[in-house]
């Protein structure tokens, strides 16, 4: 995949990838066999979010700055959780969830997750240098194909609208 590191490249620390608005910066490499986790800095611009999705990977978030509303599937339907600087939230694997930045500042969180999800971000995202250009249809197709490859679920626009989340 052009512009994306392959499984042989371990030099991803410090690299940022755009995910159609939100972005991640690698603080550790998902290829580091000495660590059973991957640490990222996640950033969601004001007014932006991550639509409803799920994956088998657990994610832990420590909010550094900004405010978001997290929509998370619970035992009795979806619940909204307001998060601000200093908050911690755990997203169990297999839980449908989405994010929306409700502040005028970028939302920044440390994300601790599996190497698998880190590799997904490398393959599905666009190097941040390309983020100044609008995504093209091939970017969305690649994201959808990589999601299927990893067994990740992404809600349809109708599903997102039904729960009032996502762009």
N, C-alpha and C. Protein backbone atom coordinates (compact mmCIF):
# COMPACT_ATOMS: atom_id res chain seq x y z
N UNK A 1 0.83 -1.17 0.00
CA UNK A 1 0.00 0.00 0.00
C UNK A 1 0.88 1.23 0.00
N UNK A 2 0.75 2.03 -0.99
CA UNK A 2 1.58 3.21 -1.15
C UNK A 2 1.39 4.17 0.02
N UNK A 3 2.51 4.63 0.59
CA UNK A 3 2.47 5.58 1.68
C UNK A 3 2.23 4.96 3.04
N UNK A 4 2.04 3.65 3.10
CA UNK A 4 1.78 2.98 4.36
C UNK A 4 2.92 2.04 4.70
N UNK A 5 3.28 1.99 5.98
CA UNK A 5 4.36 1.09 6.37
C UNK A 5 3.93 -0.36 6.18
N UNK A 6 4.87 -1.18 5.86
CA UNK A 6 4.58 -2.61 5.76
C UNK A 6 4.93 -3.27 7.08
N UNK A 7 4.58 -4.54 7.20
CA UNK A 7 4.84 -5.28 8.44
C UNK A 7 6.32 -5.34 8.78
N UNK A 8 7.19 -5.12 7.80
CA UNK A 8 8.62 -5.20 8.07
C UNK A 8 9.16 -3.90 8.66
N UNK A 9 8.45 -2.81 8.53
CA UNK A 9 8.95 -1.51 8.98
C UNK A 9 8.55 -1.28 10.43
N UNK A 10 9.54 -0.99 11.27
CA UNK A 10 9.28 -0.77 12.70
C UNK A 10 9.38 0.71 13.05
N UNK A 11 9.66 1.56 12.06
CA UNK A 11 9.89 2.97 12.32
C UNK A 11 8.60 3.78 12.15
N UNK A 12 7.62 3.56 13.02
CA UNK A 12 6.35 4.29 12.92
C UNK A 12 6.17 5.28 14.07
N UNK A 13 7.01 5.19 15.09
CA UNK A 13 6.88 6.08 16.24
C UNK A 13 7.02 7.52 15.77
N UNK A 14 6.07 8.36 16.17
CA UNK A 14 6.07 9.76 15.78
C UNK A 14 5.29 10.04 14.51
N UNK A 15 4.89 9.02 13.79
CA UNK A 15 4.13 9.22 12.54
C UNK A 15 2.67 9.42 12.88
N UNK A 16 2.00 10.30 12.11
CA UNK A 16 0.58 10.59 12.30
C UNK A 16 -0.21 10.15 11.09
N UNK A 17 -1.43 9.66 11.36
CA UNK A 17 -2.31 9.20 10.30
C UNK A 17 -3.69 9.80 10.47
N UNK A 18 -4.23 10.32 9.36
CA UNK A 18 -5.56 10.92 9.32
C UNK A 18 -6.59 9.82 9.09
N UNK A 19 -7.68 9.90 9.85
CA UNK A 19 -8.80 8.97 9.69
C UNK A 19 -10.06 9.75 9.37
N UNK A 20 -9.98 10.57 8.31
CA UNK A 20 -11.10 11.38 7.83
C UNK A 20 -11.54 12.42 8.86
N UNK A 21 -10.59 13.08 9.47
CA UNK A 21 -10.86 14.11 10.48
C UNK A 21 -10.07 13.82 11.74
N UNK A 22 -10.49 12.80 12.50
CA UNK A 22 -9.66 12.38 13.64
C UNK A 22 -8.31 11.87 13.13
N UNK A 23 -7.31 11.94 14.01
CA UNK A 23 -5.99 11.42 13.63
C UNK A 23 -5.36 10.70 14.82
N UNK A 24 -4.37 9.89 14.53
CA UNK A 24 -3.60 9.20 15.57
C UNK A 24 -2.12 9.42 15.31
N UNK A 25 -1.37 9.55 16.40
CA UNK A 25 0.08 9.63 16.33
C UNK A 25 0.63 8.46 17.13
N UNK A 26 1.54 7.72 16.55
CA UNK A 26 2.11 6.54 17.21
C UNK A 26 3.17 6.94 18.22
N UNK A 27 2.92 6.57 19.49
CA UNK A 27 3.89 6.80 20.56
C UNK A 27 4.72 5.55 20.81
N UNK A 28 4.16 4.39 20.45
CA UNK A 28 4.90 3.12 20.42
C UNK A 28 4.54 2.43 19.11
N UNK A 29 5.34 1.50 18.71
CA UNK A 29 5.10 0.79 17.46
C UNK A 29 4.24 -0.45 17.68
N UNK A 30 3.26 -0.68 16.80
CA UNK A 30 2.49 -1.92 16.91
C UNK A 30 3.31 -3.15 16.51
N UNK A 31 4.51 -2.92 15.99
CA UNK A 31 5.40 -4.02 15.59
C UNK A 31 6.42 -4.38 16.66
N UNK A 32 6.39 -3.69 17.81
CA UNK A 32 7.34 -3.96 18.89
C UNK A 32 6.92 -5.23 19.62
N UNK A 33 7.61 -6.32 19.35
CA UNK A 33 7.24 -7.62 19.93
C UNK A 33 7.48 -7.68 21.44
N UNK A 34 8.15 -6.69 21.98
CA UNK A 34 8.40 -6.64 23.43
C UNK A 34 7.22 -6.05 24.20
N UNK A 35 6.26 -5.45 23.48
CA UNK A 35 5.11 -4.81 24.12
C UNK A 35 3.81 -5.44 23.61
N UNK A 36 2.94 -5.89 24.52
CA UNK A 36 1.66 -6.47 24.10
C UNK A 36 0.58 -5.40 23.91
N UNK A 37 1.00 -4.15 23.71
CA UNK A 37 0.06 -3.04 23.55
C UNK A 37 0.65 -2.03 22.58
N UNK A 38 -0.19 -1.08 22.17
CA UNK A 38 0.23 0.01 21.30
C UNK A 38 -0.32 1.30 21.93
N UNK A 39 0.52 2.32 22.04
CA UNK A 39 0.11 3.59 22.63
C UNK A 39 0.11 4.66 21.53
N UNK A 40 -1.01 5.39 21.48
CA UNK A 40 -1.18 6.43 20.47
C UNK A 40 -1.67 7.71 21.13
N UNK A 41 -1.50 8.81 20.43
CA UNK A 41 -2.15 10.06 20.81
C UNK A 41 -3.27 10.24 19.78
N UNK A 42 -4.50 10.24 20.27
CA UNK A 42 -5.65 10.43 19.40
C UNK A 42 -6.11 11.87 19.47
N UNK A 43 -6.43 12.45 18.31
CA UNK A 43 -6.87 13.84 18.24
C UNK A 43 -8.15 13.90 17.40
N UNK A 44 -9.17 14.55 17.97
CA UNK A 44 -10.41 14.78 17.23
C UNK A 44 -10.62 16.29 17.19
N UNK A 45 -10.64 16.89 15.99
CA UNK A 45 -10.84 18.34 15.87
C UNK A 45 -12.22 18.76 16.39
N UNK A 46 -12.37 20.05 16.73
CA UNK A 46 -13.68 20.55 17.18
C UNK A 46 -14.77 20.25 16.15
N UNK A 47 -15.93 19.83 16.66
CA UNK A 47 -17.07 19.56 15.79
C UNK A 47 -16.98 18.27 15.00
N UNK A 48 -15.92 17.54 15.16
CA UNK A 48 -15.68 16.31 14.41
C UNK A 48 -15.91 15.11 15.32
N UNK A 49 -15.93 13.93 14.72
CA UNK A 49 -16.10 12.74 15.53
C UNK A 49 -15.72 11.48 14.80
N UNK A 50 -15.89 10.39 15.48
CA UNK A 50 -15.69 9.06 14.90
C UNK A 50 -17.05 8.38 14.93
N UNK A 51 -17.58 8.02 13.76
CA UNK A 51 -18.88 7.38 13.71
C UNK A 51 -18.90 6.06 14.48
N UNK A 52 -20.08 5.58 14.71
CA UNK A 52 -20.30 4.33 15.44
C UNK A 52 -19.57 3.18 14.76
N UNK A 53 -18.83 2.40 15.56
CA UNK A 53 -18.05 1.28 15.04
C UNK A 53 -17.77 0.31 16.19
N UNK A 54 -17.26 -0.87 15.85
CA UNK A 54 -16.81 -1.80 16.89
C UNK A 54 -15.70 -2.68 16.34
N UNK A 55 -14.93 -3.21 17.28
CA UNK A 55 -13.81 -4.10 16.96
C UNK A 55 -13.54 -4.93 18.20
N UNK A 56 -12.86 -6.04 18.04
CA UNK A 56 -12.58 -6.93 19.17
C UNK A 56 -11.51 -6.39 20.12
N UNK A 57 -10.85 -5.32 19.71
CA UNK A 57 -9.74 -4.77 20.49
C UNK A 57 -10.23 -3.87 21.62
N UNK A 58 -9.68 -4.09 22.81
CA UNK A 58 -9.95 -3.22 23.95
C UNK A 58 -9.22 -1.90 23.72
N UNK A 59 -9.81 -0.80 24.16
CA UNK A 59 -9.14 0.50 24.08
C UNK A 59 -9.30 1.19 25.43
N UNK A 60 -8.20 1.75 25.93
CA UNK A 60 -8.23 2.57 27.13
C UNK A 60 -7.87 3.99 26.70
N UNK A 61 -8.63 4.96 27.21
CA UNK A 61 -8.43 6.36 26.85
C UNK A 61 -8.21 7.19 28.11
N UNK A 62 -7.16 8.01 28.11
CA UNK A 62 -6.95 9.00 29.15
C UNK A 62 -7.04 10.35 28.45
N UNK A 63 -8.02 11.16 28.85
CA UNK A 63 -8.27 12.44 28.19
C UNK A 63 -7.26 13.48 28.66
N UNK A 64 -6.50 14.02 27.70
CA UNK A 64 -5.50 15.03 27.98
C UNK A 64 -6.11 16.43 27.91
N UNK A 65 -6.93 16.69 26.88
CA UNK A 65 -7.57 18.01 26.75
C UNK A 65 -8.81 17.90 25.87
N UNK A 66 -9.66 18.92 25.98
CA UNK A 66 -10.88 18.95 25.20
C UNK A 66 -12.01 18.18 25.87
N UNK A 67 -13.13 18.13 25.17
CA UNK A 67 -14.30 17.43 25.68
C UNK A 67 -14.97 16.66 24.55
N UNK A 68 -15.40 15.47 24.86
CA UNK A 68 -16.15 14.67 23.89
C UNK A 68 -17.36 14.05 24.57
N UNK A 69 -18.29 13.66 23.73
CA UNK A 69 -19.36 12.79 24.18
C UNK A 69 -19.10 11.46 23.50
N UNK A 70 -19.04 10.41 24.30
CA UNK A 70 -18.84 9.06 23.80
C UNK A 70 -20.20 8.37 23.85
N UNK A 71 -20.57 7.76 22.76
CA UNK A 71 -21.77 6.94 22.73
C UNK A 71 -21.29 5.50 22.78
N UNK A 72 -21.75 4.77 23.78
CA UNK A 72 -21.30 3.39 23.97
C UNK A 72 -22.50 2.48 24.17
N UNK A 73 -22.46 1.34 23.49
CA UNK A 73 -23.52 0.36 23.63
C UNK A 73 -23.38 -0.31 24.99
N UNK A 74 -24.47 -0.30 25.76
CA UNK A 74 -24.49 -0.93 27.07
C UNK A 74 -25.53 -2.04 27.10
N UNK A 75 -25.76 -2.56 28.27
CA UNK A 75 -26.71 -3.66 28.45
C UNK A 75 -28.14 -3.25 28.10
N UNK A 76 -28.45 -1.95 28.23
CA UNK A 76 -29.82 -1.47 27.99
C UNK A 76 -29.88 -0.47 26.85
N UNK A 77 -29.04 -0.64 25.84
CA UNK A 77 -29.01 0.28 24.71
C UNK A 77 -27.78 1.17 24.77
N UNK A 78 -27.84 2.26 24.04
CA UNK A 78 -26.70 3.17 23.98
C UNK A 78 -26.75 4.15 25.14
N UNK A 79 -25.55 4.45 25.68
CA UNK A 79 -25.43 5.44 26.74
C UNK A 79 -24.44 6.51 26.30
N UNK A 80 -24.73 7.76 26.67
CA UNK A 80 -23.83 8.88 26.37
C UNK A 80 -22.97 9.15 27.60
N UNK A 81 -21.68 9.32 27.36
CA UNK A 81 -20.73 9.59 28.45
C UNK A 81 -19.96 10.85 28.09
N UNK A 82 -20.06 11.88 28.93
CA UNK A 82 -19.30 13.10 28.72
C UNK A 82 -17.90 12.91 29.31
N UNK A 83 -16.88 13.23 28.54
CA UNK A 83 -15.49 13.07 28.99
C UNK A 83 -14.75 14.39 28.81
N UNK A 84 -13.93 14.72 29.81
CA UNK A 84 -13.11 15.93 29.76
C UNK A 84 -11.71 15.61 30.29
N UNK A 85 -10.83 16.59 30.24
CA UNK A 85 -9.44 16.40 30.67
C UNK A 85 -9.39 15.74 32.04
N UNK A 86 -8.54 14.71 32.15
CA UNK A 86 -8.36 13.97 33.39
C UNK A 86 -9.22 12.73 33.51
N UNK A 87 -10.20 12.58 32.62
CA UNK A 87 -11.07 11.40 32.67
C UNK A 87 -10.40 10.21 31.99
N UNK A 88 -10.82 9.04 32.43
CA UNK A 88 -10.35 7.77 31.86
C UNK A 88 -11.60 6.99 31.46
N UNK A 89 -11.53 6.37 30.30
CA UNK A 89 -12.64 5.52 29.86
C UNK A 89 -12.06 4.27 29.20
N UNK A 90 -12.67 3.14 29.52
CA UNK A 90 -12.28 1.86 28.92
C UNK A 90 -13.39 1.44 27.97
N UNK A 91 -12.98 1.05 26.77
CA UNK A 91 -13.92 0.55 25.78
C UNK A 91 -13.63 -0.94 25.61
N UNK A 92 -14.49 -1.80 26.20
CA UNK A 92 -14.26 -3.24 26.05
C UNK A 92 -14.33 -3.67 24.58
N UNK A 93 -13.60 -4.70 24.24
CA UNK A 93 -13.66 -5.24 22.88
C UNK A 93 -15.07 -5.67 22.53
N UNK A 94 -15.45 -5.47 21.28
CA UNK A 94 -16.77 -5.88 20.81
C UNK A 94 -17.88 -4.91 21.14
N UNK A 95 -17.55 -3.76 21.75
CA UNK A 95 -18.56 -2.77 22.13
C UNK A 95 -18.70 -1.71 21.04
N UNK A 96 -19.91 -1.54 20.53
CA UNK A 96 -20.16 -0.47 19.56
C UNK A 96 -20.00 0.87 20.27
N UNK A 97 -19.27 1.79 19.63
CA UNK A 97 -19.04 3.10 20.22
C UNK A 97 -18.73 4.13 19.15
N UNK A 98 -18.92 5.39 19.50
CA UNK A 98 -18.61 6.51 18.61
C UNK A 98 -18.26 7.72 19.46
N UNK A 99 -17.66 8.72 18.85
CA UNK A 99 -17.16 9.90 19.55
C UNK A 99 -17.63 11.16 18.84
N UNK A 100 -17.84 12.23 19.62
CA UNK A 100 -18.11 13.54 19.01
C UNK A 100 -17.49 14.62 19.89
N UNK A 101 -16.60 15.42 19.30
CA UNK A 101 -15.96 16.52 20.03
C UNK A 101 -16.98 17.65 20.16
N UNK A 102 -17.35 17.97 21.40
CA UNK A 102 -18.35 18.99 21.65
C UNK A 102 -17.74 20.31 22.11
N UNK A 103 -16.41 20.41 22.09
CA UNK A 103 -15.74 21.63 22.53
C UNK A 103 -15.21 22.41 21.34
N UNK A 104 -14.71 23.61 21.63
CA UNK A 104 -14.11 24.44 20.58
C UNK A 104 -12.62 24.18 20.46
N UNK A 105 -12.11 23.24 21.25
CA UNK A 105 -10.70 22.87 21.24
C UNK A 105 -10.54 21.46 20.70
N UNK A 106 -9.37 21.12 20.18
CA UNK A 106 -9.15 19.72 19.79
C UNK A 106 -9.27 18.82 21.02
N UNK A 107 -9.86 17.66 20.84
CA UNK A 107 -9.91 16.63 21.87
C UNK A 107 -8.65 15.80 21.70
N UNK A 108 -7.89 15.63 22.80
CA UNK A 108 -6.65 14.86 22.74
C UNK A 108 -6.71 13.80 23.84
N UNK A 109 -6.41 12.56 23.49
CA UNK A 109 -6.39 11.47 24.47
C UNK A 109 -5.22 10.55 24.20
N UNK A 110 -4.67 9.99 25.27
CA UNK A 110 -3.72 8.89 25.12
C UNK A 110 -4.57 7.64 24.96
N UNK A 111 -4.24 6.83 23.98
CA UNK A 111 -4.99 5.62 23.67
C UNK A 111 -4.06 4.43 23.85
N UNK A 112 -4.46 3.51 24.70
CA UNK A 112 -3.69 2.28 24.89
C UNK A 112 -4.56 1.16 24.35
N UNK A 113 -4.05 0.46 23.35
CA UNK A 113 -4.84 -0.57 22.69
C UNK A 113 -3.93 -1.71 22.25
N UNK A 114 -4.46 -2.58 21.43
CA UNK A 114 -3.71 -3.74 20.96
C UNK A 114 -2.85 -3.38 19.75
N UNK A 115 -1.78 -4.14 19.52
CA UNK A 115 -1.01 -3.94 18.30
C UNK A 115 -1.87 -4.12 17.05
N UNK A 116 -2.86 -4.98 17.12
CA UNK A 116 -3.74 -5.21 15.96
C UNK A 116 -4.46 -3.93 15.57
N UNK A 117 -5.03 -3.22 16.54
CA UNK A 117 -5.71 -1.97 16.20
C UNK A 117 -4.71 -0.93 15.70
N UNK A 118 -3.50 -0.91 16.26
CA UNK A 118 -2.46 -0.02 15.75
C UNK A 118 -2.17 -0.29 14.29
N UNK A 119 -2.05 -1.56 13.93
CA UNK A 119 -1.79 -1.92 12.53
C UNK A 119 -2.96 -1.53 11.64
N UNK A 120 -4.19 -1.67 12.16
CA UNK A 120 -5.37 -1.23 11.41
C UNK A 120 -5.25 0.26 11.06
N UNK A 121 -4.91 1.10 12.06
CA UNK A 121 -4.78 2.53 11.81
C UNK A 121 -3.72 2.82 10.74
N UNK A 122 -2.61 2.07 10.77
CA UNK A 122 -1.56 2.26 9.76
C UNK A 122 -2.07 1.95 8.36
N UNK A 123 -2.86 0.89 8.24
CA UNK A 123 -3.33 0.46 6.93
C UNK A 123 -4.55 1.25 6.44
N UNK A 124 -5.43 1.64 7.37
CA UNK A 124 -6.68 2.29 6.98
C UNK A 124 -6.54 3.81 6.87
N UNK A 125 -5.60 4.40 7.62
CA UNK A 125 -5.45 5.85 7.62
C UNK A 125 -4.60 6.36 6.48
N UNK A 126 -4.61 7.68 6.35
CA UNK A 126 -3.75 8.35 5.36
C UNK A 126 -2.64 9.06 6.12
N UNK A 127 -1.39 8.96 5.65
CA UNK A 127 -0.33 9.74 6.30
C UNK A 127 -0.78 11.20 6.42
N UNK A 128 -0.51 11.82 7.55
CA UNK A 128 -1.02 13.16 7.85
C UNK A 128 -0.65 14.17 6.76
N UNK A 129 0.45 13.93 6.07
CA UNK A 129 0.86 14.84 4.99
C UNK A 129 -0.21 14.91 3.90
N UNK A 130 -1.01 13.86 3.76
CA UNK A 130 -2.05 13.84 2.73
C UNK A 130 -3.37 14.42 3.22
N UNK A 131 -3.47 14.73 4.52
CA UNK A 131 -4.73 15.18 5.10
C UNK A 131 -5.16 16.56 4.60
N UNK A 132 -4.23 17.33 4.04
CA UNK A 132 -4.61 18.65 3.52
C UNK A 132 -5.42 18.51 2.24
N UNK A 133 -5.36 17.35 1.62
CA UNK A 133 -6.14 17.09 0.42
C UNK A 133 -7.40 16.33 0.82
N UNK A 134 -8.54 16.69 0.21
CA UNK A 134 -9.76 15.95 0.56
C UNK A 134 -9.60 14.47 0.22
N UNK A 135 -10.20 13.60 1.03
CA UNK A 135 -10.13 12.17 0.69
C UNK A 135 -10.80 11.91 -0.65
N UNK A 136 -10.30 10.92 -1.34
CA UNK A 136 -10.91 10.51 -2.61
C UNK A 136 -11.60 9.17 -2.39
N UNK A 137 -12.40 8.76 -3.35
CA UNK A 137 -13.20 7.53 -3.18
C UNK A 137 -12.33 6.33 -2.86
N UNK A 138 -11.10 6.27 -3.41
CA UNK A 138 -10.22 5.14 -3.13
C UNK A 138 -9.84 5.08 -1.65
N UNK A 139 -9.75 6.25 -0.98
CA UNK A 139 -9.45 6.28 0.46
C UNK A 139 -10.57 5.60 1.25
N UNK A 140 -11.82 5.91 0.88
CA UNK A 140 -12.96 5.31 1.58
C UNK A 140 -13.07 3.82 1.28
N UNK A 141 -12.78 3.44 0.06
CA UNK A 141 -12.81 2.01 -0.32
C UNK A 141 -11.73 1.26 0.45
N UNK A 142 -10.52 1.84 0.53
CA UNK A 142 -9.44 1.20 1.28
C UNK A 142 -9.84 1.04 2.74
N UNK A 143 -10.42 2.08 3.34
CA UNK A 143 -10.85 2.01 4.74
C UNK A 143 -11.86 0.88 4.93
N UNK A 144 -12.84 0.81 4.04
CA UNK A 144 -13.87 -0.25 4.14
C UNK A 144 -13.25 -1.63 3.98
N UNK A 145 -12.36 -1.78 3.02
CA UNK A 145 -11.72 -3.08 2.78
C UNK A 145 -10.83 -3.50 3.96
N UNK A 146 -10.08 -2.56 4.51
CA UNK A 146 -9.22 -2.88 5.65
C UNK A 146 -10.09 -3.23 6.86
N UNK A 147 -11.21 -2.55 7.03
CA UNK A 147 -12.14 -2.87 8.12
C UNK A 147 -12.62 -4.31 8.00
N UNK A 148 -13.00 -4.71 6.81
CA UNK A 148 -13.46 -6.09 6.58
C UNK A 148 -12.34 -7.07 6.87
N UNK A 149 -11.14 -6.76 6.39
CA UNK A 149 -9.96 -7.61 6.61
C UNK A 149 -9.73 -7.87 8.10
N UNK A 150 -9.93 -6.84 8.91
CA UNK A 150 -9.69 -6.95 10.35
C UNK A 150 -10.93 -7.40 11.12
N UNK A 151 -12.06 -7.55 10.44
CA UNK A 151 -13.29 -7.96 11.11
C UNK A 151 -13.94 -6.85 11.91
N UNK A 152 -13.69 -5.60 11.52
CA UNK A 152 -14.26 -4.45 12.22
C UNK A 152 -15.58 -4.05 11.58
N UNK A 153 -16.52 -3.59 12.41
CA UNK A 153 -17.84 -3.17 11.95
C UNK A 153 -17.93 -1.65 11.98
N UNK A 154 -18.44 -1.06 10.91
CA UNK A 154 -18.71 0.37 10.83
C UNK A 154 -20.19 0.56 10.55
N UNK A 155 -20.84 1.41 11.34
CA UNK A 155 -22.27 1.67 11.16
C UNK A 155 -22.52 2.38 9.84
N UNK A 156 -23.69 2.17 9.32
CA UNK A 156 -24.12 2.87 8.10
C UNK A 156 -24.50 4.31 8.48
N UNK A 157 -24.59 5.20 7.49
CA UNK A 157 -25.05 6.56 7.79
C UNK A 157 -26.41 6.56 8.49
N UNK A 158 -27.29 5.66 8.10
CA UNK A 158 -28.61 5.58 8.73
C UNK A 158 -28.51 5.14 10.18
N UNK A 159 -27.63 4.18 10.47
CA UNK A 159 -27.44 3.73 11.85
C UNK A 159 -26.85 4.85 12.72
N UNK A 160 -25.92 5.60 12.16
CA UNK A 160 -25.35 6.74 12.90
C UNK A 160 -26.41 7.81 13.15
N UNK A 161 -27.21 8.10 12.14
CA UNK A 161 -28.26 9.12 12.30
C UNK A 161 -29.29 8.68 13.36
N UNK A 162 -29.58 7.40 13.43
CA UNK A 162 -30.57 6.90 14.38
C UNK A 162 -30.13 7.10 15.83
N UNK A 163 -28.83 7.18 16.06
CA UNK A 163 -28.32 7.38 17.43
C UNK A 163 -27.65 8.75 17.58
N UNK A 164 -27.79 9.59 16.56
CA UNK A 164 -27.26 10.97 16.58
C UNK A 164 -25.77 11.04 16.86
N UNK A 165 -24.99 10.29 16.09
CA UNK A 165 -23.52 10.35 16.24
C UNK A 165 -22.89 10.35 14.86
N UNK A 166 -21.69 10.86 14.82
CA UNK A 166 -20.93 10.83 13.58
C UNK A 166 -21.15 12.06 12.74
N UNK A 167 -20.30 12.22 11.74
CA UNK A 167 -20.38 13.40 10.87
C UNK A 167 -21.57 13.34 9.95
